Amino acid sequence: MGLALVTRIPNLMEAHIAAGALRSAGVAAEVFDGNFGAMEAPVIEGLGGYRLMAPQEQVAEARETLKALRASPGLSTGEEEPPWGALPPATSSAARKKGMRIVAALFLGGPMIVWLILSLLR
């Protein structure tokens, strides 16, 4: 019995509220990234939000429960905000490779440029 991703929720408080609602509906839900996100919220929010996890066999029930919760009167935010179930678009491996090349060039090339400038000034 492994855990699977139910959804990502952008706000830590909303993630805990959703987990509590799922637990009261009989789903063993847990908020992942909560401790790290409490210190580094922009990082977690940039990655798509806090992971709400549940046992694999309860994921469908959890998603239906969250959908019903979002549709409840007073909780719906309208059409302008996507539901919790809408995951952020996944980045392609080509984009990740390009990003890693840029990071490597900055970390490896930066010191070399400083060394060249210092050696020219001598």
C-alpha atoms as a PDB file:
ATOM      1  CA  MET A   1       0.000   0.000   0.000  1.00  0.00           C
ATOM      2  CA  GLY A   2       1.885   3.048  -1.275  1.00  0.00           C
ATOM      3  CA  LEU A   3       0.995   6.686  -1.245  1.00  0.00           C
ATOM      4  CA  ALA A   4      -0.039   8.540  -4.384  1.00  0.00           C
ATOM      5  CA  LEU A   5      -0.516  12.196  -5.226  1.00  0.00           C
ATOM      6  CA  VAL A   6      -4.093  13.389  -4.871  1.00  0.00           C
ATOM      7  CA  THR A   7      -3.409  17.002  -5.829  1.00  0.00           C
ATOM      8  CA  ARG A   8      -1.175  19.979  -5.152  1.00  0.00           C
ATOM      9  CA  ILE A   9      -2.549  22.902  -3.175  1.00  0.00           C
ATOM     10  CA  PRO A  10      -0.797  26.284  -3.363  1.00  0.00           C
ATOM     11  CA  ASN A  11      -1.413  27.381   0.236  1.00  0.00           C
ATOM     12  CA  LEU A  12      -0.222  25.472   3.339  1.00  0.00           C
ATOM     13  CA  MET A  13      -3.303  26.352   5.377  1.00  0.00           C
ATOM     14  CA  GLU A  14      -5.638  25.226   2.587  1.00  0.00           C
ATOM     15  CA  ALA A  15      -3.629  22.006   2.246  1.00  0.00           C
ATOM     16  CA  HIS A  16      -4.113  21.215   5.949  1.00  0.00           C
ATOM     17  CA  ILE A  17      -7.821  22.075   5.734  1.00  0.00           C
ATOM     18  CA  ALA A  18      -8.209  19.778   2.709  1.00  0.00           C
ATOM     19  CA  ALA A  19      -6.306  16.988   4.479  1.00  0.00           C
ATOM     20  CA  GLY A  20      -8.570  17.380   7.513  1.00  0.00           C
ATOM     21  CA  ALA A  21     -11.667  17.233   5.332  1.00  0.00           C
ATOM     22  CA  LEU A  22     -10.381  14.066   3.678  1.00  0.00           C
ATOM     23  CA  ARG A  23      -9.559  12.485   7.037  1.00  0.00           C
ATOM     24  CA  SER A  24     -13.086  13.212   8.286  1.00  0.00           C
ATOM     25  CA  ALA A  25     -14.388  11.551   5.106  1.00  0.00           C
ATOM     26  CA  GLY A  26     -12.392   8.408   5.929  1.00  0.00           C
ATOM     27  CA  VAL A  27      -9.384   8.985   3.643  1.00  0.00           C
ATOM     28  CA  ALA A  28      -5.953   8.717   5.272  1.00  0.00           C
ATOM     29  CA  ALA A  29      -4.559  11.923   3.734  1.00  0.00           C
ATOM     30  CA  GLU A  30      -1.282  13.637   4.597  1.00  0.00           C
ATOM     31  CA  VAL A  31       0.259  16.965   3.604  1.00  0.00           C
ATOM     32  CA  PHE A  32       3.787  16.574   2.281  1.00  0.00           C
ATOM     33  CA  ASP A  33       6.358  19.407   2.123  1.00  0.00           C
ATOM     34  CA  GLY A  34       4.656  21.203   5.024  1.00  0.00           C
ATOM     35  CA  ASN A  35       7.735  21.610   7.223  1.00  0.00           C
ATOM     36  CA  PHE A  36       9.996  22.724   4.385  1.00  0.00           C
ATOM     37  CA  GLY A  37       7.239  24.887   2.943  1.00  0.00           C
ATOM     38  CA  ALA A  38       6.764  26.676   6.244  1.00  0.00           C
ATOM     39  CA  MET A  39      10.344  27.966   5.880  1.00  0.00           C
ATOM     40  CA  GLU A  40      10.597  28.190   2.093  1.00  0.00           C
ATOM     41  CA  ALA A  41       7.037  28.864   0.911  1.00  0.00           C
ATOM     42  CA  PRO A  42       8.068  30.537  -2.398  1.00  0.00           C
ATOM     43  CA  VAL A  43       9.999  27.414  -3.405  1.00  0.00           C
ATOM     44  CA  ILE A  44       7.074  25.081  -2.728  1.00  0.00           C
ATOM     45  CA  GLU A  45       4.609  27.434  -4.404  1.00  0.00           C
ATOM     46  CA  GLY A  46       6.925  27.663  -7.407  1.00  0.00           C
ATOM     47  CA  LEU A  47       6.949  23.876  -7.640  1.00  0.00           C
ATOM     48  CA  GLY A  48       3.162  23.775  -7.823  1.00  0.00           C
ATOM     49  CA  GLY A  49       2.152  23.711  -4.182  1.00  0.00           C
ATOM     50  CA  TYR A  50       2.033  21.352  -1.260  1.00  0.00           C
ATOM     51  CA  ARG A  51       1.494  17.697  -2.093  1.00  0.00           C
ATOM     52  CA  LEU A  52      -1.641  16.118  -0.688  1.00  0.00           C
ATOM     53  CA  MET A  53      -1.010  12.372  -0.572  1.00  0.00           C
ATOM     54  CA  ALA A  54      -3.286   9.412   0.145  1.00  0.00           C
ATOM     55  CA  PRO A  55      -3.104   5.620  -0.181  1.00  0.00           C
ATOM     56  CA  GLN A  56      -3.288   4.539  -3.822  1.00  0.00           C
ATOM     57  CA  GLU A  57      -6.626   2.797  -3.420  1.00  0.00           C
ATOM     58  CA  GLN A  58      -8.215   5.934  -1.910  1.00  0.00           C
ATOM     59  CA  VAL A  59      -6.983   8.515  -4.455  1.00  0.00           C
ATOM     60  CA  ALA A  60     -10.130   8.494  -6.606  1.00  0.00           C
ATOM     61  CA  GLU A  61     -12.350   8.855  -3.526  1.00  0.00           C
ATOM     62  CA  ALA A  62     -10.137  11.685  -2.254  1.00  0.00           C
ATOM     63  CA  ARG A  63     -10.349  13.576  -5.554  1.00  0.00           C
ATOM     64  CA  GLU A  64     -14.131  13.247  -5.632  1.00  0.00           C
ATOM     65  CA  THR A  65     -14.356  14.466  -2.033  1.00  0.00           C
ATOM     66  CA  LEU A  66     -12.193  17.506  -2.836  1.00  0.00           C
ATOM     67  CA  LYS A  67     -14.244  18.233  -5.946  1.00  0.00           C
ATOM     68  CA  ALA A  68     -17.426  18.173  -3.858  1.00  0.00           C
ATOM     69  CA  LEU A  69     -15.774  20.377  -1.227  1.00  0.00           C
ATOM     70  CA  ARG A  70     -14.768  22.985  -3.834  1.00  0.00           C
ATOM     71  CA  ALA A  71     -18.296  22.962  -5.278  1.00  0.00           C
ATOM     72  CA  SER A  72     -19.859  23.650  -1.858  1.00  0.00           C
ATOM     73  CA  PRO A  73     -21.637  26.989  -1.502  1.00  0.00           C
ATOM     74  CA  GLY A  74     -19.346  29.705  -0.214  1.00  0.00           C
ATOM     75  CA  LEU A  75     -16.143  27.836  -1.076  1.00  0.00           C
ATOM     76  CA  SER A  76     -16.139  28.059  -4.834  1.00  0.00           C
ATOM     77  CA  THR A  77     -13.970  30.837  -6.219  1.00  0.00           C
ATOM     78  CA  GLY A  78     -15.529  30.812  -9.658  1.00  0.00           C
ATOM     79  CA  GLU A  79     -14.117  29.968 -13.054  1.00  0.00           C
ATOM     80  CA  GLU A  80     -11.075  32.256 -12.916  1.00  0.00           C
ATOM     81  CA  GLU A  81      -9.213  29.966 -10.505  1.00  0.00           C
ATOM     82  CA  PRO A  82      -8.478  26.375 -11.542  1.00  0.00           C
ATOM     83  CA  PRO A  83      -9.609  23.631  -9.167  1.00  0.00           C
ATOM     84  CA  TRP A  84      -7.124  21.976  -6.868  1.00  0.00           C
ATOM     85  CA  GLY A  85      -7.110  18.998  -9.193  1.00  0.00           C
ATOM     86  CA  ALA A  86      -5.490  21.012 -11.995  1.00  0.00           C
ATOM     87  CA  LEU A  87      -1.805  20.233 -11.747  1.00  0.00           C
ATOM     88  CA  PRO A  88       0.741  22.680 -13.137  1.00  0.00           C
ATOM     89  CA  PRO A  89       2.108  21.792 -16.561  1.00  0.00           C
ATOM     90  CA  ALA A  90       5.061  19.473 -16.356  1.00  0.00           C
ATOM     91  CA  THR A  91       8.327  20.812 -17.649  1.00  0.00           C
ATOM     92  CA  SER A  92       9.886  18.883 -20.470  1.00  0.00           C
ATOM     93  CA  SER A  93      13.217  17.145 -20.073  1.00  0.00           C
ATOM     94  CA  ALA A  94      14.664  19.441 -22.762  1.00  0.00           C
ATOM     95  CA  ALA A  95      13.723  22.502 -20.701  1.00  0.00           C
ATOM     96  CA  ARG A  96      15.248  20.957 -17.569  1.00  0.00           C
ATOM     97  CA  LYS A  97      18.463  20.122 -19.450  1.00  0.00           C
ATOM     98  CA  LYS A  98      18.666  23.665 -20.806  1.00  0.00           C
ATOM     99  CA  GLY A  99      18.165  25.070 -17.319  1.00  0.00           C
ATOM    100  CA  MET A 100      20.851  22.804 -15.891  1.00  0.00           C
ATOM    101  CA  ARG A 101      23.264  23.896 -18.624  1.00  0.00           C
ATOM    102  CA  ILE A 102      22.655  27.528 -17.720  1.00  0.00           C
ATOM    103  CA  VAL A 103      23.210  26.824 -14.026  1.00  0.00           C
ATOM    104  CA  ALA A 104      26.386  24.867 -14.789  1.00  0.00           C
ATOM    105  CA  ALA A 105      27.679  27.658 -17.016  1.00  0.00           C
ATOM    106  CA  LEU A 106      27.083  30.201 -14.261  1.00  0.00           C
ATOM    107  CA  PHE A 107      28.738  28.159 -11.549  1.00  0.00           C
ATOM    108  CA  LEU A 108      31.631  26.865 -13.623  1.00  0.00           C
ATOM    109  CA  GLY A 109      32.103  29.815 -15.956  1.00  0.00           C
ATOM    110  CA  GLY A 110      31.744  32.566 -13.360  1.00  0.00           C
ATOM    111  CA  PRO A 111      34.934  31.757 -11.429  1.00  0.00           C
ATOM    112  CA  MET A 112      36.853  31.347 -14.681  1.00  0.00           C
ATOM    113  CA  ILE A 113      35.787  34.813 -15.856  1.00  0.00           C
ATOM    114  CA  VAL A 114      36.835  36.311 -12.511  1.00  0.00           C
ATOM    115  CA  TRP A 115      40.197  34.517 -12.759  1.00  0.00           C
ATOM    116  CA  LEU A 116      40.739  35.831 -16.303  1.00  0.00           C
ATOM    117  CA  ILE A 117      39.919  39.398 -15.300  1.00  0.00           C
ATOM    118  CA  LEU A 118      42.223  39.211 -12.295  1.00  0.00           C
ATOM    119  CA  SER A 119      45.059  37.741 -14.369  1.00  0.00           C
ATOM    120  CA  LEU A 120      44.675  40.514 -16.981  1.00  0.00           C
ATOM    121  CA  LEU A 121      44.802  43.201 -14.292  1.00  0.00           C
ATOM    122  CA  ARG A 122      48.165  41.939 -12.945  1.00  0.00           C
END
